[in-house]
Protein backbone atom coordinates (compact mmCIF):
# COMPACT_ATOMS: atom_id res chain seq x y z
CA UNK A 1 -11.73 -84.55 -37.46
CA UNK A 2 -10.88 -85.58 -40.98
CA UNK A 3 -8.97 -88.80 -41.49
CA UNK A 4 -7.73 -87.49 -44.84
CA UNK A 5 -6.59 -84.12 -43.54
CA UNK A 6 -7.23 -80.60 -44.67
CA UNK A 7 -5.69 -77.47 -46.10
CA UNK A 8 -6.08 -74.09 -44.41
CA UNK A 9 -6.80 -71.16 -46.71
CA UNK A 10 -6.20 -67.69 -45.28
CA UNK A 11 -7.63 -64.29 -46.15
CA UNK A 12 -5.76 -61.80 -43.99
CA UNK A 13 -6.45 -58.22 -43.01
CA UNK A 14 -4.91 -55.65 -40.73
CA UNK A 15 -4.86 -57.41 -37.38
CA UNK A 16 -7.17 -60.34 -38.17
CA UNK A 17 -7.71 -63.14 -40.66
CA UNK A 18 -10.29 -65.62 -41.85
CA UNK A 19 -9.12 -69.25 -41.93
CA UNK A 20 -11.11 -71.78 -43.94
CA UNK A 21 -10.04 -75.42 -43.90
CA UNK A 22 -11.14 -77.85 -46.61
CA UNK A 23 -10.64 -81.55 -47.25
CA UNK A 24 -8.85 -82.81 -50.34
CA UNK A 25 -12.20 -83.03 -52.16
CA UNK A 26 -13.02 -79.40 -51.31
CA UNK A 27 -15.45 -80.18 -48.48
CA UNK A 28 -15.59 -77.52 -45.78
CA UNK A 29 -14.07 -78.78 -42.52
CA UNK A 30 -13.59 -75.62 -40.43
CA UNK A 31 -13.92 -71.86 -40.61
CA UNK A 32 -12.95 -69.19 -38.14
CA UNK A 33 -12.00 -65.55 -37.77
CA UNK A 34 -8.88 -64.99 -35.69
CA UNK A 35 -7.32 -61.95 -34.13
CA UNK A 36 -3.65 -61.44 -34.97
CA UNK A 37 -2.71 -58.65 -32.57
CA UNK A 38 -3.13 -57.98 -28.86
CA UNK A 39 -5.83 -55.58 -27.77
CA UNK A 40 -4.27 -52.18 -27.19
CA UNK A 41 -1.73 -52.53 -30.00
CA UNK A 42 -2.36 -50.90 -33.36
CA UNK A 43 -3.27 -53.19 -36.26
CA UNK A 44 -1.49 -51.08 -38.90
CA UNK A 45 1.65 -49.68 -37.26
CA UNK A 46 3.64 -49.14 -40.47
CA UNK A 47 0.77 -47.36 -42.18
CA UNK A 48 -0.79 -45.33 -39.37
CA UNK A 49 0.70 -44.99 -35.90
CA UNK A 50 4.32 -45.33 -37.05
CA UNK A 51 3.88 -42.29 -39.26
CA UNK A 52 3.25 -40.11 -36.21
CA UNK A 53 6.33 -41.20 -34.24
CA UNK A 54 10.07 -40.64 -34.48
CA UNK A 55 11.59 -43.48 -36.53
CA UNK A 56 13.20 -45.31 -33.60
CA UNK A 57 9.91 -45.31 -31.66
CA UNK A 58 8.00 -46.39 -34.77
CA UNK A 59 10.39 -49.31 -35.32
CA UNK A 60 9.96 -50.39 -31.68
CA UNK A 61 6.17 -50.23 -32.07
CA UNK A 62 6.24 -52.34 -35.23
CA UNK A 63 8.43 -54.88 -33.43
CA UNK A 64 5.92 -55.15 -30.57
CA UNK A 65 3.10 -55.70 -33.05
CA UNK A 66 5.16 -58.28 -34.96
CA UNK A 67 5.85 -60.27 -31.78
CA UNK A 68 2.14 -60.14 -30.92
CA UNK A 69 1.21 -61.24 -34.45
CA UNK A 70 3.56 -64.20 -34.26
CA UNK A 71 2.05 -65.32 -30.95
CA UNK A 72 -1.51 -64.95 -32.22
CA UNK A 73 -0.71 -66.71 -35.50
CA UNK A 74 0.69 -69.69 -33.58
CA UNK A 75 -2.44 -69.82 -31.41
CA UNK A 76 -4.66 -69.65 -34.51
CA UNK A 77 -2.83 -72.46 -36.30
CA UNK A 78 -2.86 -74.61 -33.17
CA UNK A 79 -6.60 -74.00 -32.82
CA UNK A 80 -7.27 -75.29 -36.32
CA UNK A 81 -4.96 -78.25 -35.73
CA UNK A 82 -7.08 -79.24 -32.74
CA UNK A 83 -10.20 -79.30 -34.95
CA UNK A 84 -8.77 -80.86 -38.12
CA UNK A 85 -6.04 -83.48 -38.36
CA UNK A 86 -3.79 -83.76 -40.14
CA UNK A 87 -3.17 -80.36 -41.66
CA UNK A 88 -1.63 -80.82 -45.10
CA UNK A 89 -0.68 -77.21 -45.80
CA UNK A 90 -1.59 -73.55 -45.59
CA UNK A 91 -2.46 -71.20 -48.47
CA UNK A 92 -1.47 -67.54 -47.98
CA UNK A 93 -1.66 -64.51 -50.25
CA UNK A 94 1.54 -63.60 -52.06
CA UNK A 95 3.72 -60.99 -50.38
CA UNK A 96 4.96 -58.04 -52.42
CA UNK A 97 8.65 -57.25 -52.08
CA UNK A 98 9.56 -54.70 -49.41
CA UNK A 99 12.64 -52.78 -48.35
CA UNK A 100 14.73 -54.85 -45.90
CA UNK A 101 14.34 -52.75 -42.74
CA UNK A 102 11.35 -51.54 -40.77
CA UNK A 103 12.66 -47.97 -40.88
CA UNK A 104 12.83 -48.08 -44.68
CA UNK A 105 9.32 -49.53 -44.88
CA UNK A 106 7.94 -46.77 -42.68
CA UNK A 107 9.55 -44.07 -44.83
CA UNK A 108 8.66 -45.56 -48.23
CA UNK A 109 5.11 -44.66 -49.29
CA UNK A 110 4.38 -47.83 -51.29
CA UNK A 111 5.98 -50.09 -48.70
CA UNK A 112 4.13 -48.67 -45.72
CA UNK A 113 0.84 -49.28 -47.53
CA UNK A 114 1.45 -53.05 -47.66
CA UNK A 115 4.03 -53.75 -44.92
CA UNK A 116 1.46 -54.51 -42.22
CA UNK A 117 -0.28 -57.14 -44.36
CA UNK A 118 3.07 -58.70 -45.20
CA UNK A 119 3.95 -58.77 -41.49
CA UNK A 120 0.77 -60.73 -40.71
CA UNK A 121 1.27 -63.13 -43.64
CA UNK A 122 4.83 -63.81 -42.57
CA UNK A 123 3.67 -64.45 -38.99
CA UNK A 124 1.09 -66.94 -40.28
CA UNK A 125 3.67 -68.57 -42.56
CA UNK A 126 6.13 -68.91 -39.68
CA UNK A 127 3.44 -70.46 -37.48
CA UNK A 128 2.59 -72.96 -40.21
CA UNK A 129 6.25 -73.80 -40.74
CA UNK A 130 6.71 -74.29 -36.98
CA UNK A 131 3.93 -76.90 -37.15
CA UNK A 132 5.73 -78.61 -40.05
CA UNK A 133 3.10 -77.61 -42.61
CA UNK A 134 4.05 -76.49 -46.12
CA UNK A 135 3.08 -72.94 -47.08
CA UNK A 136 1.63 -72.32 -50.53
CA UNK A 137 1.43 -68.74 -51.80
CA UNK A 138 -1.50 -67.66 -53.98
CA UNK A 139 -2.47 -64.72 -56.15
CA UNK A 140 -5.74 -63.26 -54.90
CA UNK A 141 -6.65 -62.04 -58.40
CA UNK A 142 -6.53 -65.47 -60.00
CA UNK A 143 -7.40 -67.88 -57.19
CA UNK A 144 -11.17 -67.97 -57.81
CA UNK A 145 -10.62 -69.05 -61.41
CA UNK A 146 -8.02 -71.56 -60.28
CA UNK A 147 -10.52 -72.99 -57.77
CA UNK A 148 -13.14 -73.37 -60.51
CA UNK A 149 -10.57 -75.18 -62.62
CA UNK A 150 -9.46 -77.39 -59.71
CA UNK A 151 -13.06 -78.41 -59.01
CA UNK A 152 -13.82 -78.77 -62.72
CA UNK A 153 -16.79 -76.44 -62.44
CA UNK A 154 -17.69 -73.39 -64.47
CA UNK A 155 -18.67 -71.08 -61.65
CA UNK A 156 -17.02 -71.10 -58.24
CA UNK A 157 -19.32 -68.25 -57.20
CA UNK A 158 -22.40 -70.49 -57.58
CA UNK A 159 -20.79 -73.24 -55.48
CA UNK A 160 -19.82 -70.67 -52.87
CA UNK A 161 -23.34 -69.19 -52.70
CA UNK A 162 -24.82 -72.68 -52.30
CA UNK A 163 -22.42 -73.46 -49.47
CA UNK A 164 -23.07 -70.05 -47.92
CA UNK A 165 -26.81 -70.74 -47.74
CA UNK A 166 -26.14 -74.20 -46.27
CA UNK A 167 -23.71 -73.17 -43.50
CA UNK A 168 -25.05 -69.71 -42.71
CA UNK A 169 -23.24 -66.59 -41.55
CA UNK A 170 -20.58 -65.51 -41.25
CA UNK A 171 -19.75 -66.42 -44.83
CA UNK A 172 -18.45 -63.53 -46.90
CA UNK A 173 -15.88 -62.62 -49.56
CA UNK A 174 -13.00 -63.36 -47.17
CA UNK A 175 -14.34 -66.86 -46.61
CA UNK A 176 -14.72 -67.27 -50.37
CA UNK A 177 -11.13 -66.20 -51.04
CA UNK A 178 -9.71 -68.39 -48.26
CA UNK A 179 -11.77 -71.37 -49.36
CA UNK A 180 -10.76 -70.97 -52.99
CA UNK A 181 -7.08 -70.86 -52.04
CA UNK A 182 -7.43 -73.94 -49.84
CA UNK A 183 -9.24 -75.83 -52.60
CA UNK A 184 -6.52 -75.07 -55.14
CA UNK A 185 -3.84 -76.43 -52.81
CA UNK A 186 -5.95 -79.41 -51.66
CA UNK A 187 -6.71 -80.47 -55.24
CA UNK A 188 -3.04 -80.14 -56.20
CA UNK A 189 -2.18 -82.55 -53.37
CA UNK A 190 -4.60 -85.15 -54.77
CA UNK A 191 -3.22 -85.05 -58.31
């Protein structure tokens, strides 16, 4: 446990996410991969399975996956909270705008390509908010540079590779992205 607290950085995917928690100074406190959907439910219902169903059935399927994602996100956040206290915030990837209804998202080509990721991010954001933690949104394209700037180092990649060799696998690009996002938020809290 950290007496100063930590920030959770998240790199999400279809049905799972990597959570990396760092202290205010950027020290690694916790890392984990979490499932965000029940076994037997599709991970990408907007993009895949919903395309093969009548709209009303597809909407019902997405709703079942959303409820599962919300439950799993809450379990994931609670799991980190048991390992690191206090949690000072959560960093999540920005969400692109989407049509307001599930049916519209399923029918719209661009929307259905990102709607599942947005669903998981919103489930994680809601779980964080339910714990009373602020949610900070980040841009995946600029967060590595922002982390270098926050740490006042020239090369975040070199720091990441050093840490990767010290902590061992699994430690991949998702961990790097999540850690960078958490560092940016953690450093902003110090200043």
